[in-house]
Amino acid sequence: MSDVTTVVVSVRGDARRVVSPDCAVLGSAIDVVAASKAEALRAAASAQMALVEDLIALGAVQSSAEVEKPPLAWSAQSVTSSPEYDFDKRTGGHGPTGNVVASVSVVISVRDLARLADLGAVLAAHDRLSVHGVSWQ
């Protein structure tokens, strides 16, 4: 009989590769506070249209299935409204102010990263807009 020796080789490794991003995605929101829901929604829509006009001036298009990988694109994701709450220094409580907050969620996708500086200037000009997240893909 011949002895057959089995050899087991175990290999472990780790690798990392850093590549430049293909796309930046900015999650943002337009927030408006007004005395009534209708007034807050009108003001939010107006602020959204002003933002869209400025984005179009930069060459942005509305995201859609028909437009594949545009250099700069935007889409409005949702519109919400809710009562405004604030801290009352007099009572120490947290309660409604009587106003309404309207919020429009806007996602901006940038594939031409050379446009980021111009985009930043446009976004900074809109007081009611806040960017709450940037992801690199």
Protein backbone atom coordinates (compact mmCIF):
# COMPACT_ATOMS: atom_id res chain seq x y z
CA MET A 1 0.00 0.00 0.00
CA SER A 2 1.19 3.44 -0.73
CA ASP A 3 0.79 6.30 1.66
CA VAL A 4 -0.93 9.27 0.08
CA THR A 5 -0.27 12.50 1.85
CA THR A 6 -2.86 15.24 1.45
CA VAL A 7 -1.58 18.77 1.55
CA VAL A 8 -3.98 21.59 2.43
CA VAL A 9 -2.97 25.13 1.57
CA SER A 10 -4.86 28.04 3.07
CA VAL A 11 -4.43 31.50 1.57
CA ARG A 12 -5.83 34.70 2.98
CA GLY A 13 -5.48 38.13 1.51
CA ASP A 14 -6.69 41.64 1.48
CA ALA A 15 -6.70 44.15 -1.35
CA ARG A 16 -7.86 47.69 -1.85
CA ARG A 17 -8.17 49.72 -4.98
CA VAL A 18 -9.00 53.41 -4.96
CA VAL A 19 -10.69 54.82 -8.04
CA SER A 20 -12.10 58.21 -8.88
CA PRO A 21 -15.86 58.53 -8.42
CA ASP A 22 -18.11 58.36 -11.46
CA CYS A 23 -20.95 60.30 -9.89
CA ALA A 24 -21.82 62.47 -6.92
CA VAL A 25 -25.39 62.33 -5.58
CA LEU A 26 -26.56 65.18 -3.37
CA GLY A 27 -29.59 64.63 -1.17
CA SER A 28 -31.20 67.95 -0.31
CA ALA A 29 -34.42 69.52 0.88
CA ILE A 30 -36.20 72.82 0.48
CA ASP A 31 -37.90 73.75 3.76
CA VAL A 32 -40.45 76.55 4.10
CA VAL A 33 -42.38 77.72 7.16
CA ALA A 34 -45.66 79.61 6.69
CA ALA A 35 -48.89 80.38 8.51
CA SER A 36 -50.96 77.84 6.55
CA LYS A 37 -50.41 74.59 4.71
CA ALA A 38 -51.48 76.09 1.37
CA GLU A 39 -49.13 79.04 1.81
CA ALA A 40 -46.22 76.81 2.84
CA LEU A 41 -46.74 74.48 -0.14
CA ARG A 42 -46.97 77.45 -2.56
CA ALA A 43 -43.75 78.93 -1.18
CA ALA A 44 -41.99 75.55 -1.35
CA ALA A 45 -43.09 75.08 -4.97
CA SER A 46 -41.86 78.56 -5.81
CA ALA A 47 -38.48 77.88 -4.16
CA GLN A 48 -38.24 74.57 -6.04
CA MET A 49 -38.95 76.28 -9.38
CA ALA A 50 -36.26 78.90 -8.67
CA LEU A 51 -33.77 76.12 -7.92
CA VAL A 52 -34.76 74.20 -11.06
CA GLU A 53 -34.35 77.32 -13.21
CA ASP A 54 -30.82 77.81 -11.86
CA LEU A 55 -29.99 74.12 -12.39
CA ILE A 56 -31.28 74.27 -15.97
CA ALA A 57 -29.08 77.34 -16.54
CA LEU A 58 -26.13 75.08 -15.58
CA GLY A 59 -27.27 72.51 -18.15
CA ALA A 60 -29.13 70.17 -15.78
CA VAL A 61 -31.96 67.98 -16.99
CA GLN A 62 -34.73 66.30 -15.04
CA SER A 63 -33.83 62.70 -14.23
CA SER A 64 -35.83 60.19 -16.22
CA ALA A 65 -35.58 56.72 -17.69
CA GLU A 66 -35.18 58.25 -21.16
CA VAL A 67 -32.09 60.27 -20.25
CA GLU A 68 -29.25 57.89 -19.44
CA LYS A 69 -26.34 59.22 -17.36
CA PRO A 70 -26.65 62.98 -17.96
CA PRO A 71 -23.75 65.18 -16.78
CA LEU A 72 -26.06 67.02 -14.35
CA ALA A 73 -29.59 65.98 -13.36
CA TRP A 74 -32.19 66.69 -10.69
CA SER A 75 -35.40 65.11 -9.46
CA ALA A 76 -37.97 66.06 -6.85
CA GLN A 77 -38.53 62.98 -4.72
CA SER A 78 -41.34 63.94 -2.35
CA VAL A 79 -43.30 66.80 -0.84
CA THR A 80 -44.39 66.78 2.80
CA SER A 81 -46.01 69.15 5.24
CA SER A 82 -46.31 69.07 9.00
CA PRO A 83 -47.01 71.36 11.93
CA GLU A 84 -44.01 73.35 13.14
CA TYR A 85 -42.89 72.65 16.70
CA ASP A 86 -40.60 74.77 18.80
CA PHE A 87 -39.18 74.96 22.30
CA ASP A 88 -41.05 77.47 24.47
CA LYS A 89 -38.50 79.25 26.70
CA ARG A 90 -41.27 80.55 28.94
CA THR A 91 -42.85 77.19 29.80
CA GLY A 92 -39.97 74.84 28.98
CA GLY A 93 -42.32 72.79 26.82
CA HIS A 94 -42.11 71.67 23.22
CA GLY A 95 -45.25 72.39 21.26
CA PRO A 96 -46.81 73.58 18.04
CA THR A 97 -46.19 77.16 16.92
CA GLY A 98 -49.30 77.39 14.75
CA ASN A 99 -47.19 77.45 11.58
CA VAL A 100 -46.76 74.73 8.95
CA VAL A 101 -43.50 73.38 7.51
CA ALA A 102 -43.48 72.26 3.87
CA SER A 103 -40.51 70.29 2.59
CA VAL A 104 -39.53 69.24 -0.94
CA SER A 105 -36.88 66.51 -1.23
CA VAL A 106 -34.56 67.13 -4.21
CA VAL A 107 -31.84 64.77 -5.44
CA ILE A 108 -29.09 66.18 -7.67
CA SER A 109 -26.79 63.83 -9.61
CA VAL A 110 -23.48 65.10 -10.96
CA ARG A 111 -21.50 62.99 -13.44
CA ASP A 112 -19.42 65.88 -14.78
CA LEU A 113 -17.48 66.54 -11.57
CA ALA A 114 -15.94 69.68 -13.10
CA ARG A 115 -19.36 71.29 -12.54
CA LEU A 116 -19.25 70.89 -8.76
CA ALA A 117 -17.86 74.37 -8.10
CA ASP A 118 -20.56 76.05 -10.20
CA LEU A 119 -23.20 73.82 -8.64
CA GLY A 120 -21.99 74.76 -5.16
CA ALA A 121 -22.38 78.46 -5.96
CA VAL A 122 -25.94 77.88 -7.22
CA LEU A 123 -26.92 75.84 -4.17
CA ALA A 124 -25.44 78.40 -1.78
CA ALA A 125 -27.65 81.09 -3.32
CA HIS A 126 -30.84 79.28 -2.22
CA ASP A 127 -31.46 80.07 1.45
CA ARG A 128 -34.27 77.55 1.88
CA LEU A 129 -32.20 74.65 0.49
CA SER A 130 -30.11 72.41 2.70
CA VAL A 131 -27.89 69.58 1.50
CA HIS A 132 -28.14 66.75 4.02
CA GLY A 133 -25.99 64.14 2.33
CA VAL A 134 -23.51 63.52 -0.47
CA SER A 135 -22.62 60.08 -1.76
CA TRP A 136 -19.92 59.19 -4.26
CA GLN A 137 -20.50 56.33 -6.64
